[in-house]
Amino acid sequence: AWRMPMSLKNYRQKAGLTQLQLAEAAGVSQSQITHHECGRRANISLGQARAIVRALNDRGVKCSLDSVFPCEEAKAA
């Protein structure tokens, strides 16, 4: 059975990070984290998405690019 992937917010909270802490660790703005967590994918490049996933992995939260930033087709399935 397909399960909804964890959201960025879930991963961030599992890592024990605030939005600002994750943003600083990934080198993105806090507003980018906020927008994505609210479902508005505003201005997050592939490189920035990878940096966010790397920051979460560096803090012991095992996740992948596809699990944190699922493509539209995966969300619709």
N, C-alpha and C. Protein backbone atom coordinates (compact mmCIF):
# COMPACT_ATOMS: atom_id res chain seq x y z
N ALA A 1 0.85 -1.19 0.00
CA ALA A 1 0.00 0.00 0.00
C ALA A 1 0.89 1.25 0.00
N TRP A 2 0.52 2.21 -0.82
CA TRP A 2 1.28 3.46 -0.90
C TRP A 2 0.99 4.31 0.31
N ARG A 3 2.03 4.89 0.88
CA ARG A 3 1.86 5.79 2.02
C ARG A 3 2.32 7.17 1.63
N MET A 4 1.63 8.16 2.16
CA MET A 4 2.01 9.55 1.91
C MET A 4 3.40 9.77 2.49
N PRO A 5 4.32 10.34 1.72
CA PRO A 5 5.66 10.59 2.27
C PRO A 5 5.62 11.64 3.37
N MET A 6 6.60 11.57 4.25
CA MET A 6 6.70 12.59 5.29
C MET A 6 6.94 13.94 4.64
N SER A 7 6.41 14.96 5.24
CA SER A 7 6.60 16.30 4.71
C SER A 7 7.92 16.88 5.19
N LEU A 8 8.34 17.95 4.55
CA LEU A 8 9.55 18.64 4.97
C LEU A 8 9.43 19.03 6.44
N LYS A 9 8.27 19.50 6.84
CA LYS A 9 8.07 19.90 8.24
C LYS A 9 8.30 18.72 9.18
N ASN A 10 7.78 17.54 8.82
CA ASN A 10 7.98 16.35 9.64
C ASN A 10 9.47 16.01 9.77
N TYR A 11 10.17 16.03 8.65
CA TYR A 11 11.61 15.74 8.67
C TYR A 11 12.35 16.78 9.50
N ARG A 12 12.01 18.04 9.32
CA ARG A 12 12.68 19.12 10.07
C ARG A 12 12.45 18.94 11.57
N GLN A 13 11.22 18.65 11.96
CA GLN A 13 10.91 18.46 13.37
C GLN A 13 11.61 17.23 13.92
N LYS A 14 11.69 16.17 13.13
CA LYS A 14 12.41 14.96 13.55
C LYS A 14 13.88 15.27 13.80
N ALA A 15 14.43 16.20 13.02
CA ALA A 15 15.83 16.61 13.20
C ALA A 15 16.00 17.57 14.37
N GLY A 16 14.89 18.04 14.94
CA GLY A 16 14.96 18.96 16.07
C GLY A 16 15.38 20.36 15.67
N LEU A 17 15.06 20.74 14.43
CA LEU A 17 15.48 22.04 13.92
C LEU A 17 14.30 22.99 13.75
N THR A 18 14.55 24.26 13.97
CA THR A 18 13.58 25.28 13.62
C THR A 18 13.70 25.54 12.11
N GLN A 19 12.74 26.26 11.56
CA GLN A 19 12.86 26.61 10.15
C GLN A 19 14.14 27.41 9.90
N LEU A 20 14.44 28.33 10.79
CA LEU A 20 15.64 29.16 10.61
C LEU A 20 16.90 28.31 10.68
N GLN A 21 16.97 27.38 11.61
CA GLN A 21 18.16 26.53 11.74
C GLN A 21 18.36 25.68 10.49
N LEU A 22 17.27 25.11 9.96
CA LEU A 22 17.39 24.32 8.74
C LEU A 22 17.80 25.20 7.57
N ALA A 23 17.20 26.37 7.47
CA ALA A 23 17.55 27.29 6.39
C ALA A 23 19.03 27.65 6.43
N GLU A 24 19.52 27.98 7.61
CA GLU A 24 20.94 28.34 7.75
C GLU A 24 21.84 27.15 7.42
N ALA A 25 21.47 25.95 7.87
CA ALA A 25 22.29 24.77 7.60
C ALA A 25 22.33 24.44 6.11
N ALA A 26 21.23 24.74 5.41
CA ALA A 26 21.15 24.41 3.99
C ALA A 26 21.55 25.57 3.08
N GLY A 27 21.73 26.75 3.65
CA GLY A 27 22.11 27.90 2.85
C GLY A 27 20.97 28.46 2.02
N VAL A 28 19.75 28.35 2.55
CA VAL A 28 18.58 28.92 1.87
C VAL A 28 17.91 29.89 2.84
N SER A 29 16.91 30.60 2.37
CA SER A 29 16.22 31.54 3.25
C SER A 29 15.14 30.81 4.05
N GLN A 30 14.83 31.37 5.21
CA GLN A 30 13.77 30.79 6.02
C GLN A 30 12.44 30.83 5.27
N SER A 31 12.23 31.87 4.48
CA SER A 31 10.96 31.96 3.75
C SER A 31 10.81 30.82 2.75
N GLN A 32 11.92 30.34 2.19
CA GLN A 32 11.83 29.20 1.27
C GLN A 32 11.36 27.94 2.01
N ILE A 33 11.88 27.74 3.21
CA ILE A 33 11.45 26.60 4.03
C ILE A 33 9.96 26.76 4.36
N THR A 34 9.57 27.94 4.80
CA THR A 34 8.18 28.21 5.17
C THR A 34 7.25 27.97 3.98
N HIS A 35 7.61 28.51 2.82
CA HIS A 35 6.77 28.35 1.63
C HIS A 35 6.59 26.88 1.28
N HIS A 36 7.67 26.12 1.32
CA HIS A 36 7.55 24.71 0.97
C HIS A 36 6.69 23.97 1.99
N GLU A 37 6.89 24.25 3.27
CA GLU A 37 6.11 23.57 4.31
C GLU A 37 4.61 23.89 4.19
N CYS A 38 4.29 25.05 3.66
CA CYS A 38 2.88 25.45 3.49
C CYS A 38 2.31 25.00 2.15
N GLY A 39 3.10 24.29 1.36
CA GLY A 39 2.63 23.78 0.10
C GLY A 39 2.83 24.71 -1.08
N ARG A 40 3.54 25.80 -0.86
CA ARG A 40 3.84 26.73 -1.95
C ARG A 40 5.31 26.54 -2.31
N ARG A 41 5.58 25.84 -3.38
CA ARG A 41 6.96 25.54 -3.78
C ARG A 41 7.56 26.75 -4.47
N ALA A 42 7.96 27.70 -3.71
CA ALA A 42 8.46 28.95 -4.28
C ALA A 42 9.98 28.98 -4.32
N ASN A 43 10.52 29.04 -5.52
CA ASN A 43 11.94 29.35 -5.73
C ASN A 43 12.91 28.42 -5.03
N ILE A 44 12.64 27.13 -5.00
CA ILE A 44 13.62 26.18 -4.48
C ILE A 44 14.22 25.45 -5.68
N SER A 45 15.49 25.69 -5.92
CA SER A 45 16.17 25.04 -7.05
C SER A 45 16.54 23.61 -6.66
N LEU A 46 16.94 22.84 -7.63
CA LEU A 46 17.38 21.47 -7.37
C LEU A 46 18.56 21.48 -6.41
N GLY A 47 19.50 22.39 -6.61
CA GLY A 47 20.66 22.48 -5.71
C GLY A 47 20.25 22.81 -4.29
N GLN A 48 19.29 23.71 -4.14
CA GLN A 48 18.82 24.07 -2.80
C GLN A 48 18.08 22.90 -2.16
N ALA A 49 17.27 22.20 -2.95
CA ALA A 49 16.56 21.04 -2.42
C ALA A 49 17.55 19.99 -1.94
N ARG A 50 18.60 19.78 -2.72
CA ARG A 50 19.64 18.82 -2.31
C ARG A 50 20.33 19.27 -1.02
N ALA A 51 20.57 20.57 -0.89
CA ALA A 51 21.22 21.09 0.32
C ALA A 51 20.33 20.89 1.55
N ILE A 52 19.02 21.05 1.38
CA ILE A 52 18.08 20.83 2.49
C ILE A 52 18.12 19.36 2.91
N VAL A 53 18.06 18.46 1.93
CA VAL A 53 18.11 17.03 2.24
C VAL A 53 19.44 16.67 2.90
N ARG A 54 20.54 17.24 2.41
CA ARG A 54 21.86 16.98 2.99
C ARG A 54 21.90 17.45 4.45
N ALA A 55 21.34 18.63 4.73
CA ALA A 55 21.33 19.16 6.09
C ALA A 55 20.53 18.24 7.02
N LEU A 56 19.43 17.71 6.53
CA LEU A 56 18.64 16.77 7.35
C LEU A 56 19.41 15.48 7.58
N ASN A 57 20.03 14.94 6.52
CA ASN A 57 20.82 13.72 6.66
C ASN A 57 22.00 13.92 7.61
N ASP A 58 22.62 15.09 7.55
CA ASP A 58 23.75 15.39 8.42
C ASP A 58 23.35 15.39 9.89
N ARG A 59 22.07 15.60 10.15
CA ARG A 59 21.56 15.61 11.52
C ARG A 59 20.90 14.28 11.89
N GLY A 60 21.17 13.24 11.11
CA GLY A 60 20.72 11.89 11.44
C GLY A 60 19.33 11.53 10.96
N VAL A 61 18.70 12.40 10.19
CA VAL A 61 17.38 12.10 9.65
C VAL A 61 17.56 11.56 8.24
N LYS A 62 17.37 10.26 8.09
CA LYS A 62 17.58 9.62 6.80
C LYS A 62 16.40 9.90 5.88
N CYS A 63 16.68 10.59 4.80
CA CYS A 63 15.67 10.92 3.82
C CYS A 63 16.35 11.12 2.48
N SER A 64 15.54 11.13 1.44
CA SER A 64 16.06 11.32 0.08
C SER A 64 15.39 12.53 -0.55
N LEU A 65 15.94 12.96 -1.66
CA LEU A 65 15.35 14.07 -2.40
C LEU A 65 13.90 13.76 -2.75
N ASP A 66 13.65 12.54 -3.23
CA ASP A 66 12.29 12.16 -3.62
C ASP A 66 11.33 12.08 -2.44
N SER A 67 11.83 11.73 -1.26
CA SER A 67 10.92 11.64 -0.11
C SER A 67 10.57 13.01 0.45
N VAL A 68 11.50 13.94 0.40
CA VAL A 68 11.24 15.28 0.93
C VAL A 68 10.55 16.17 -0.10
N PHE A 69 10.94 16.01 -1.37
CA PHE A 69 10.38 16.82 -2.45
C PHE A 69 9.79 15.89 -3.52
N PRO A 70 8.66 15.24 -3.21
CA PRO A 70 8.09 14.31 -4.19
C PRO A 70 7.61 15.03 -5.44
N CYS A 71 7.76 14.36 -6.58
CA CYS A 71 7.28 14.97 -7.82
C CYS A 71 5.76 15.00 -7.82
N GLU A 72 5.20 15.81 -8.67
CA GLU A 72 3.74 15.96 -8.72
C GLU A 72 3.04 14.64 -9.05
N GLU A 73 3.66 13.80 -9.89
CA GLU A 73 3.05 12.53 -10.25
C GLU A 73 2.93 11.61 -9.04
N ALA A 74 3.95 11.63 -8.18
CA ALA A 74 3.92 10.77 -6.98
C ALA A 74 2.83 11.23 -6.02
N LYS A 75 2.63 12.55 -5.91
CA LYS A 75 1.61 13.05 -5.00
C LYS A 75 0.20 12.72 -5.52
N ALA A 76 0.04 12.65 -6.84
CA ALA A 76 -1.27 12.40 -7.43
C ALA A 76 -1.64 10.92 -7.43
N ALA A 77 -0.65 10.05 -7.28
CA ALA A 77 -0.90 8.60 -7.34
C ALA A 77 -1.69 8.11 -6.16
